[in-house]
Amino acid sequence: GSVQAGESLRLSCVSSKNIFRIYFMGWYRQA
């Protein structure tokens, strides 16, 4: 979303597979 400096956001990522079995999960960004 759109926020002002100093505010907070929480991103969520839901996987179609059980993440217990996943080797790596992470977040990337592209400006």
Full PDB file with SEQRES, HELIX, SHEET, SSBOND, CRYST1, ORIGX, SCALE, CONECT and MASTER records, all heavy atoms in Angstrom:
SEQRES   1 A   31  GLY SER VAL GLN ALA GLY GLU SER LEU ARG LEU SER CYS          
SEQRES   2 A   31  VAL SER SER LYS ASN ILE PHE ARG ILE TYR PHE MET GLY          
SEQRES   3 A   31  TRP TYR ARG GLN ALA                                          
HELIX    1 AA1 ILE A   19  ARG A   21  5                                   3    
CRYST1    1.000    1.000    1.000  90.00  90.00  90.00 P 1           1          
ORIGX1      1.000000  0.000000  0.000000        0.00000                         
ORIGX2      0.000000  1.000000  0.000000        0.00000                         
ORIGX3      0.000000  0.000000  1.000000        0.00000                         
SCALE1      1.000000  0.000000  0.000000        0.00000                         
SCALE2      0.000000  1.000000  0.000000        0.00000                         
SCALE3      0.000000  0.000000  1.000000        0.00000                         
ATOM      1  N   GLY A   1       0.821  -1.198   0.000  1.00  0.00           N  
ATOM      2  CA  GLY A   1       0.000   0.000   0.000  1.00  0.00           C  
ATOM      3  C   GLY A   1       0.853   1.244   0.000  1.00  0.00           C  
ATOM      4  O   GLY A   1       2.077   1.179  -0.141  1.00  0.00           O  
ATOM      5  N   SER A   2       0.197   2.371   0.158  1.00  0.00           N  
ATOM      6  CA  SER A   2       0.868   3.668   0.210  1.00  0.00           C  
ATOM      7  C   SER A   2       0.830   4.211   1.625  1.00  0.00           C  
ATOM      8  O   SER A   2      -0.242   4.319   2.220  1.00  0.00           O  
ATOM      9  CB  SER A   2       0.199   4.654  -0.746  1.00  0.00           C  
ATOM     10  OG  SER A   2       0.308   4.219  -2.085  1.00  0.00           O  
ATOM     11  N   VAL A   3       1.999   4.529   2.148  1.00  0.00           N  
ATOM     12  CA  VAL A   3       2.113   5.050   3.502  1.00  0.00           C  
ATOM     13  C   VAL A   3       3.093   6.208   3.518  1.00  0.00           C  
ATOM     14  O   VAL A   3       3.820   6.448   2.551  1.00  0.00           O  
ATOM     15  CB  VAL A   3       2.579   3.974   4.506  1.00  0.00           C  
ATOM     16  CG1 VAL A   3       1.580   2.826   4.572  1.00  0.00           C  
ATOM     17  CG2 VAL A   3       3.965   3.458   4.124  1.00  0.00           C  
ATOM     18  N   GLN A   4       3.113   6.908   4.625  1.00  0.00           N  
ATOM     19  CA  GLN A   4       4.078   7.976   4.818  1.00  0.00           C  
ATOM     20  C   GLN A   4       5.287   7.455   5.578  1.00  0.00           C  
ATOM     21  O   GLN A   4       5.216   6.444   6.274  1.00  0.00           O  
ATOM     22  CB  GLN A   4       3.445   9.146   5.564  1.00  0.00           C  
ATOM     23  CG  GLN A   4       2.361   9.856   4.780  1.00  0.00           C  
ATOM     24  CD  GLN A   4       1.857  11.102   5.473  1.00  0.00           C  
ATOM     25  OE1 GLN A   4       2.068  11.282   6.675  1.00  0.00           O  
ATOM     26  NE2 GLN A   4       1.210  11.968   4.730  1.00  0.00           N  
ATOM     27  N   ALA A   5       6.391   8.141   5.430  1.00  0.00           N  
ATOM     28  CA  ALA A   5       7.618   7.755   6.120  1.00  0.00           C  
ATOM     29  C   ALA A   5       7.380   7.619   7.614  1.00  0.00           C  
ATOM     30  O   ALA A   5       6.689   8.440   8.223  1.00  0.00           O  
ATOM     31  CB  ALA A   5       8.714   8.778   5.846  1.00  0.00           C  
ATOM     32  N   GLY A   6       7.951   6.561   8.183  1.00  0.00           N  
ATOM     33  CA  GLY A   6       7.807   6.296   9.599  1.00  0.00           C  
ATOM     34  C   GLY A   6       6.699   5.321   9.937  1.00  0.00           C  
ATOM     35  O   GLY A   6       6.666   4.794  11.057  1.00  0.00           O  
ATOM     36  N   GLU A   7       5.807   5.070   9.005  1.00  0.00           N  
ATOM     37  CA  GLU A   7       4.705   4.144   9.244  1.00  0.00           C  
ATOM     38  C   GLU A   7       5.130   2.708   8.968  1.00  0.00           C  
ATOM     39  O   GLU A   7       6.265   2.446   8.567  1.00  0.00           O  
ATOM     40  CB  GLU A   7       3.499   4.533   8.398  1.00  0.00           C  
ATOM     41  CG  GLU A   7       2.929   5.889   8.771  1.00  0.00           C  
ATOM     42  CD  GLU A   7       1.705   6.275   7.962  1.00  0.00           C  
ATOM     43  OE1 GLU A   7       1.483   5.689   6.887  1.00  0.00           O  
ATOM     44  OE2 GLU A   7       0.961   7.163   8.410  1.00  0.00           O  
ATOM     45  N   SER A   8       4.213   1.779   9.196  1.00  0.00           N  
ATOM     46  CA  SER A   8       4.518   0.362   9.085  1.00  0.00           C  
ATOM     47  C   SER A   8       3.558  -0.350   8.154  1.00  0.00           C  
ATOM     48  O   SER A   8       2.417   0.082   7.951  1.00  0.00           O  
ATOM     49  CB  SER A   8       4.453  -0.308  10.467  1.00  0.00           C  
ATOM     50  OG  SER A   8       5.386   0.247  11.365  1.00  0.00           O  
ATOM     51  N   LEU A   9       4.028  -1.448   7.598  1.00  0.00           N  
ATOM     52  CA  LEU A   9       3.211  -2.346   6.800  1.00  0.00           C  
ATOM     53  C   LEU A   9       3.623  -3.774   7.108  1.00  0.00           C  
ATOM     54  O   LEU A   9       4.767  -4.022   7.486  1.00  0.00           O  
ATOM     55  CB  LEU A   9       3.392  -2.097   5.307  1.00  0.00           C  
ATOM     56  CG  LEU A   9       2.740  -0.865   4.680  1.00  0.00           C  
ATOM     57  CD1 LEU A   9       3.220  -0.714   3.242  1.00  0.00           C  
ATOM     58  CD2 LEU A   9       1.225  -0.978   4.721  1.00  0.00           C  
ATOM     59  N   ARG A  10       2.691  -4.696   6.933  1.00  0.00           N  
ATOM     60  CA  ARG A  10       3.010  -6.109   7.038  1.00  0.00           C  
ATOM     61  C   ARG A  10       2.599  -6.810   5.763  1.00  0.00           C  
ATOM     62  O   ARG A  10       1.418  -6.803   5.397  1.00  0.00           O  
ATOM     63  CB  ARG A  10       2.321  -6.764   8.232  1.00  0.00           C  
ATOM     64  CG  ARG A  10       2.804  -8.204   8.459  1.00  0.00           C  
ATOM     65  CD  ARG A  10       2.156  -8.873   9.645  1.00  0.00           C  
ATOM     66  NE  ARG A  10       0.769  -9.215   9.390  1.00  0.00           N  
ATOM     67  CZ  ARG A  10       0.081 -10.104  10.098  1.00  0.00           C  
ATOM     68  NH1 ARG A  10       0.668 -10.731  11.121  1.00  0.00           N  
ATOM     69  NH2 ARG A  10      -1.184 -10.336   9.810  1.00  0.00           N  
ATOM     70  N   LEU A  11       3.563  -7.398   5.098  1.00  0.00           N  
ATOM     71  CA  LEU A  11       3.308  -8.147   3.884  1.00  0.00           C  
ATOM     72  C   LEU A  11       3.099  -9.617   4.217  1.00  0.00           C  
ATOM     73  O   LEU A  11       3.733 -10.147   5.122  1.00  0.00           O  
ATOM     74  CB  LEU A  11       4.473  -8.017   2.905  1.00  0.00           C  
ATOM     75  CG  LEU A  11       4.913  -6.599   2.536  1.00  0.00           C  
ATOM     76  CD1 LEU A  11       6.027  -6.664   1.490  1.00  0.00           C  
ATOM     77  CD2 LEU A  11       3.741  -5.774   2.041  1.00  0.00           C  
ATOM     78  N   SER A  12       2.219 -10.259   3.467  1.00  0.00           N  
ATOM     79  CA  SER A  12       1.950 -11.676   3.643  1.00  0.00           C  
ATOM     80  C   SER A  12       2.172 -12.403   2.331  1.00  0.00           C  
ATOM     81  O   SER A  12       1.905 -11.861   1.259  1.00  0.00           O  
ATOM     82  CB  SER A  12       0.513 -11.910   4.108  1.00  0.00           C  
ATOM     83  OG  SER A  12       0.260 -11.287   5.344  1.00  0.00           O  
ATOM     84  N   CYS A  13       2.648 -13.620   2.425  1.00  0.00           N  
ATOM     85  CA  CYS A  13       2.850 -14.464   1.257  1.00  0.00           C  
ATOM     86  C   CYS A  13       2.316 -15.850   1.585  1.00  0.00           C  
ATOM     87  O   CYS A  13       2.862 -16.535   2.457  1.00  0.00           O  
ATOM     88  CB  CYS A  13       4.331 -14.535   0.897  1.00  0.00           C  
ATOM     89  SG  CYS A  13       4.732 -15.690  -0.430  1.00  0.00           S  
ATOM     90  N   VAL A  14       1.263 -16.244   0.893  1.00  0.00           N  
ATOM     91  CA  VAL A  14       0.656 -17.547   1.110  1.00  0.00           C  
ATOM     92  C   VAL A  14       1.141 -18.507   0.035  1.00  0.00           C  
ATOM     93  O   VAL A  14       1.022 -18.231  -1.158  1.00  0.00           O  
ATOM     94  CB  VAL A  14      -0.878 -17.469   1.086  1.00  0.00           C  
ATOM     95  CG1 VAL A  14      -1.479 -18.847   1.325  1.00  0.00           C  
ATOM     96  CG2 VAL A  14      -1.373 -16.493   2.146  1.00  0.00           C  
ATOM     97  N   SER A  15       1.671 -19.625   0.468  1.00  0.00           N  
ATOM     98  CA  SER A  15       2.200 -20.634  -0.436  1.00  0.00           C  
ATOM     99  C   SER A  15       1.168 -21.721  -0.697  1.00  0.00           C  
ATOM    100  O   SER A  15       0.411 -22.099   0.199  1.00  0.00           O  
ATOM    101  CB  SER A  15       3.464 -21.259   0.146  1.00  0.00           C  
ATOM    102  OG  SER A  15       3.882 -22.386  -0.601  1.00  0.00           O  
ATOM    103  N   SER A  16       1.174 -22.243  -1.916  1.00  0.00           N  
ATOM    104  CA  SER A  16       0.275 -23.335  -2.263  1.00  0.00           C  
ATOM    105  C   SER A  16       0.753 -24.672  -1.705  1.00  0.00           C  
ATOM    106  O   SER A  16      -0.003 -25.644  -1.721  1.00  0.00           O  
ATOM    107  CB  SER A  16       0.123 -23.443  -3.782  1.00  0.00           C  
ATOM    108  OG  SER A  16       1.353 -23.775  -4.397  1.00  0.00           O  
ATOM    109  N   LYS A  17       1.975 -24.719  -1.227  1.00  0.00           N  
ATOM    110  CA  LYS A  17       2.529 -25.923  -0.640  1.00  0.00           C  
ATOM    111  C   LYS A  17       2.911 -25.679   0.810  1.00  0.00           C  
ATOM    112  O   LYS A  17       3.135 -24.542   1.220  1.00  0.00           O  
ATOM    113  CB  LYS A  17       3.745 -26.405  -1.427  1.00  0.00           C  
ATOM    114  CG  LYS A  17       3.430 -26.922  -2.813  1.00  0.00           C  
ATOM    115  CD  LYS A  17       4.645 -27.578  -3.450  1.00  0.00           C  
ATOM    116  CE  LYS A  17       4.292 -28.160  -4.808  1.00  0.00           C  
ATOM    117  NZ  LYS A  17       5.465 -28.837  -5.430  1.00  0.00           N  
ATOM    118  N   ASN A  18       3.007 -26.762   1.550  1.00  0.00           N  
ATOM    119  CA  ASN A  18       3.380 -26.689   2.950  1.00  0.00           C  
ATOM    120  C   ASN A  18       4.779 -26.100   3.084  1.00  0.00           C  
ATOM    121  O   ASN A  18       5.744 -26.675   2.587  1.00  0.00           O  
ATOM    122  CB  ASN A  18       3.321 -28.079   3.574  1.00  0.00           C  
ATOM    123  CG  ASN A  18       3.424 -28.067   5.083  1.00  0.00           C  
ATOM    124  OD1 ASN A  18       4.006 -27.166   5.674  1.00  0.00           O  
ATOM    125  ND2 ASN A  18       2.854 -29.072   5.714  1.00  0.00           N  
ATOM    126  N   ILE A  19       4.904 -24.975   3.753  1.00  0.00           N  
ATOM    127  CA  ILE A  19       6.202 -24.320   3.840  1.00  0.00           C  
ATOM    128  C   ILE A  19       7.149 -25.019   4.805  1.00  0.00           C  
ATOM    129  O   ILE A  19       8.334 -24.685   4.837  1.00  0.00           O  
ATOM    130  CB  ILE A  19       6.067 -22.830   4.214  1.00  0.00           C  
ATOM    131  CG1 ILE A  19       5.444 -22.677   5.609  1.00  0.00           C  
ATOM    132  CG2 ILE A  19       5.248 -22.091   3.168  1.00  0.00           C  
ATOM    133  CD1 ILE A  19       5.454 -21.245   6.109  1.00  0.00           C  
ATOM    134  N   PHE A  20       6.656 -25.967   5.551  1.00  0.00           N  
ATOM    135  CA  PHE A  20       7.531 -26.748   6.422  1.00  0.00           C  
ATOM    136  C   PHE A  20       8.586 -27.483   5.603  1.00  0.00           C  
ATOM    137  O   PHE A  20       9.693 -27.729   6.086  1.00  0.00           O  
ATOM    138  CB  PHE A  20       6.708 -27.736   7.244  1.00  0.00           C  
ATOM    139  CG  PHE A  20       7.527 -28.569   8.191  1.00  0.00           C  
ATOM    140  CD1 PHE A  20       7.957 -28.051   9.402  1.00  0.00           C  
ATOM    141  CD2 PHE A  20       7.868 -29.875   7.871  1.00  0.00           C  
ATOM    142  CE1 PHE A  20       8.714 -28.810  10.282  1.00  0.00           C  
ATOM    143  CE2 PHE A  20       8.618 -30.651   8.742  1.00  0.00           C  
ATOM    144  CZ  PHE A  20       9.043 -30.116   9.948  1.00  0.00           C  
ATOM    145  N   ARG A  21       8.241 -27.809   4.367  1.00  0.00           N  
ATOM    146  CA  ARG A  21       9.140 -28.570   3.494  1.00  0.00           C  
ATOM    147  C   ARG A  21      10.005 -27.665   2.619  1.00  0.00           C  
ATOM    148  O   ARG A  21      10.872 -28.166   1.894  1.00  0.00           O  
ATOM    149  CB  ARG A  21       8.330 -29.497   2.593  1.00  0.00           C  
ATOM    150  CG  ARG A  21       7.428 -30.467   3.338  1.00  0.00           C  
ATOM    151  CD  ARG A  21       6.588 -31.281   2.362  1.00  0.00           C  
ATOM    152  NE  ARG A  21       5.666 -32.168   3.043  1.00  0.00           N  
ATOM    153  CZ  ARG A  21       5.947 -33.386   3.443  1.00  0.00           C  
ATOM    154  NH1 ARG A  21       7.154 -33.885   3.227  1.00  0.00           N  
ATOM    155  NH2 ARG A  21       5.036 -34.123   4.062  1.00  0.00           N  
ATOM    156  N   ILE A  22       9.804 -26.374   2.677  1.00  0.00           N  
ATOM    157  CA  ILE A  22      10.482 -25.442   1.792  1.00  0.00           C  
ATOM    158  C   ILE A  22      11.892 -25.135   2.281  1.00  0.00           C  
ATOM    159  O   ILE A  22      12.101 -24.852   3.463  1.00  0.00           O  
ATOM    160  CB  ILE A  22       9.669 -24.146   1.655  1.00  0.00           C  
ATOM    161  CG1 ILE A  22       8.312 -24.439   1.011  1.00  0.00           C  
ATOM    162  CG2 ILE A  22      10.433 -23.107   0.855  1.00  0.00           C  
ATOM    163  CD1 ILE A  22       8.413 -24.947  -0.411  1.00  0.00           C  
ATOM    164  N   TYR A  23      12.854 -25.179   1.364  1.00  0.00           N  
ATOM    165  CA  TYR A  23      14.241 -24.894   1.706  1.00  0.00           C  
ATOM    166  C   TYR A  23      14.454 -23.413   2.021  1.00  0.00           C  
ATOM    167  O   TYR A  23      15.115 -23.070   3.001  1.00  0.00           O  
ATOM    168  CB  TYR A  23      15.157 -25.319   0.555  1.00  0.00           C  
ATOM    169  CG  TYR A  23      16.594 -24.884   0.735  1.00  0.00           C  
ATOM    170  CD1 TYR A  23      17.421 -25.527   1.650  1.00  0.00           C  
ATOM    171  CD2 TYR A  23      17.115 -23.829  -0.008  1.00  0.00           C  
ATOM    172  CE1 TYR A  23      18.729 -25.132   1.819  1.00  0.00           C  
ATOM    173  CE2 TYR A  23      18.422 -23.431   0.159  1.00  0.00           C  
ATOM    174  CZ  TYR A  23      19.229 -24.083   1.070  1.00  0.00           C  
ATOM    175  OH  TYR A  23      20.536 -23.683   1.243  1.00  0.00           O  
ATOM    176  N   PHE A  24      13.900 -22.543   1.179  1.00  0.00           N  
ATOM    177  CA  PHE A  24      14.099 -21.111   1.349  1.00  0.00           C  
ATOM    178  C   PHE A  24      12.818 -20.339   1.039  1.00  0.00           C  
ATOM    179  O   PHE A  24      12.124 -20.649   0.072  1.00  0.00           O  
ATOM    180  CB  PHE A  24      15.201 -20.605   0.420  1.00  0.00           C  
ATOM    181  CG  PHE A  24      15.350 -19.111   0.423  1.00  0.00           C  
ATOM    182  CD1 PHE A  24      16.154 -18.479   1.360  1.00  0.00           C  
ATOM    183  CD2 PHE A  24      14.687 -18.328  -0.516  1.00  0.00           C  
ATOM    184  CE1 PHE A  24      16.291 -17.105   1.373  1.00  0.00           C  
ATOM    185  CE2 PHE A  24      14.816 -16.952  -0.515  1.00  0.00           C  
ATOM    186  CZ  PHE A  24      15.621 -16.338   0.439  1.00  0.00           C  
ATOM    187  N   MET A  25      12.538 -19.360   1.858  1.00  0.00           N  
ATOM    188  CA  MET A  25      11.510 -18.381   1.568  1.00  0.00           C  
ATOM    189  C   MET A  25      12.058 -17.008   1.901  1.00  0.00           C  
ATOM    190  O   MET A  25      12.745 -16.840   2.908  1.00  0.00           O  
ATOM    191  CB  MET A  25      10.225 -18.630   2.359  1.00  0.00           C  
ATOM    192  CG  MET A  25       9.477 -19.877   1.945  1.00  0.00           C  
ATOM    193  SD  MET A  25       7.767 -19.929   2.568  1.00  0.00           S  
ATOM    194  CE  MET A  25       6.975 -18.734   1.471  1.00  0.00           C  
ATOM    195  N   GLY A  26      11.759 -16.062   1.051  1.00  0.00           N  
ATOM    196  CA  GLY A  26      12.274 -14.733   1.285  1.00  0.00           C  
ATOM    197  C   GLY A  26      11.484 -13.666   0.561  1.00  0.00           C  
ATOM    198  O   GLY A  26      10.526 -13.947  -0.159  1.00  0.00           O  
ATOM    199  N   TRP A  27      11.915 -12.455   0.790  1.00  0.00           N  
ATOM    200  CA  TRP A  27      11.305 -11.290   0.164  1.00  0.00           C  
ATOM    201  C   TRP A  27      12.353 -10.502  -0.598  1.00  0.00           C  
ATOM    202  O   TRP A  27      13.426 -10.209  -0.067  1.00  0.00           O  
ATOM    203  CB  TRP A  27      10.656 -10.383   1.208  1.00  0.00           C  
ATOM    204  CG  TRP A  27       9.432 -10.965   1.828  1.00  0.00           C  
ATOM    205  CD1 TRP A  27       9.350 -11.713   2.955  1.00  0.00           C  
ATOM    206  CD2 TRP A  27       8.094 -10.825   1.343  1.00  0.00           C  
ATOM    207  NE1 TRP A  27       8.053 -12.060   3.214  1.00  0.00           N  
ATOM    208  CE2 TRP A  27       7.261 -11.527   2.238  1.00  0.00           C  
ATOM    209  CE3 TRP A  27       7.518 -10.186   0.241  1.00  0.00           C  
ATOM    210  CZ2 TRP A  27       5.877 -11.598   2.060  1.00  0.00           C  
ATOM    211  CZ3 TRP A  27       6.151 -10.259   0.070  1.00  0.00           C  
ATOM    212  CH2 TRP A  27       5.345 -10.959   0.974  1.00  0.00           C  
ATOM    213  N   TYR A  28      12.033 -10.176  -1.827  1.00  0.00           N  
ATOM    214  CA  TYR A  28      12.840  -9.303  -2.660  1.00  0.00           C  
ATOM    215  C   TYR A  28      12.047  -8.043  -2.958  1.00  0.00           C  
ATOM    216  O   TYR A  28      10.822  -8.022  -2.823  1.00  0.00           O  
ATOM    217  CB  TYR A  28      13.199  -9.974  -3.986  1.00  0.00           C  
ATOM    218  CG  TYR A  28      14.214 -11.095  -3.887  1.00  0.00           C  
ATOM    219  CD1 TYR A  28      13.882 -12.324  -3.344  1.00  0.00           C  
ATOM    220  CD2 TYR A  28      15.508 -10.924  -4.380  1.00  0.00           C  
ATOM    221  CE1 TYR A  28      14.805 -13.352  -3.270  1.00  0.00           C  
ATOM    222  CE2 TYR A  28      16.437 -11.947  -4.321  1.00  0.00           C  
ATOM    223  CZ  TYR A  28      16.076 -13.161  -3.764  1.00  0.00           C  
ATOM    224  OH  TYR A  28      17.009 -14.178  -3.710  1.00  0.00           O  
ATOM    225  N   ARG A  29      12.750  -7.007  -3.373  1.00  0.00           N  
ATOM    226  CA  ARG A  29      12.055  -5.812  -3.824  1.00  0.00           C  
ATOM    227  C   ARG A  29      12.766  -5.234  -5.036  1.00  0.00           C  
ATOM    228  O   ARG A  29      13.966  -5.434  -5.231  1.00  0.00           O  
ATOM    229  CB  ARG A  29      11.964  -4.763  -2.716  1.00  0.00           C  
ATOM    230  CG  ARG A  29      13.288  -4.103  -2.350  1.00  0.00           C  
ATOM    231  CD  ARG A  29      13.102  -3.173  -1.167  1.00  0.00           C  
ATOM    232  NE  ARG A  29      14.354  -2.561  -0.758  1.00  0.00           N  
ATOM    233  CZ  ARG A  29      14.532  -1.910   0.386  1.00  0.00           C  
ATOM    234  NH1 ARG A  29      13.512  -1.786   1.236  1.00  0.00           N  
ATOM    235  NH2 ARG A  29      15.711  -1.381   0.676  1.00  0.00           N  
ATOM    236  N   GLN A  30      12.011  -4.518  -5.830  1.00  0.00           N  
ATOM    237  CA  GLN A  30      12.555  -3.853  -7.002  1.00  0.00           C  
ATOM    238  C   GLN A  30      12.022  -2.434  -7.043  1.00  0.00           C  
ATOM    239  O   GLN A  30      10.825  -2.215  -7.229  1.00  0.00           O  
ATOM    240  CB  GLN A  30      12.194  -4.605  -8.278  1.00  0.00           C  
ATOM    241  CG  GLN A  30      12.872  -4.070  -9.515  1.00  0.00           C  
ATOM    242  CD  GLN A  30      12.772  -5.024 -10.688  1.00  0.00           C  
ATOM    243  OE1 GLN A  30      11.913  -5.898 -10.714  1.00  0.00           O  
ATOM    244  NE2 GLN A  30      13.654  -4.854 -11.648  1.00  0.00           N  
ATOM    245  N   ALA A  31      12.917  -1.493  -6.862  1.00  0.00           N  
ATOM    246  CA  ALA A  31      12.560  -0.086  -6.928  1.00  0.00           C  
ATOM    247  C   ALA A  31      12.525   0.358  -8.386  1.00  0.00           C  
ATOM    248  O   ALA A  31      13.152  -0.267  -9.250  1.00  0.00           O  
ATOM    249  CB  ALA A  31      13.560   0.753  -6.143  1.00  0.00           C  
TER     250      ALA A  31                                                      
MASTER        0    0    0    1    0    0    0    6  249    1    0    3          
END                                                                             
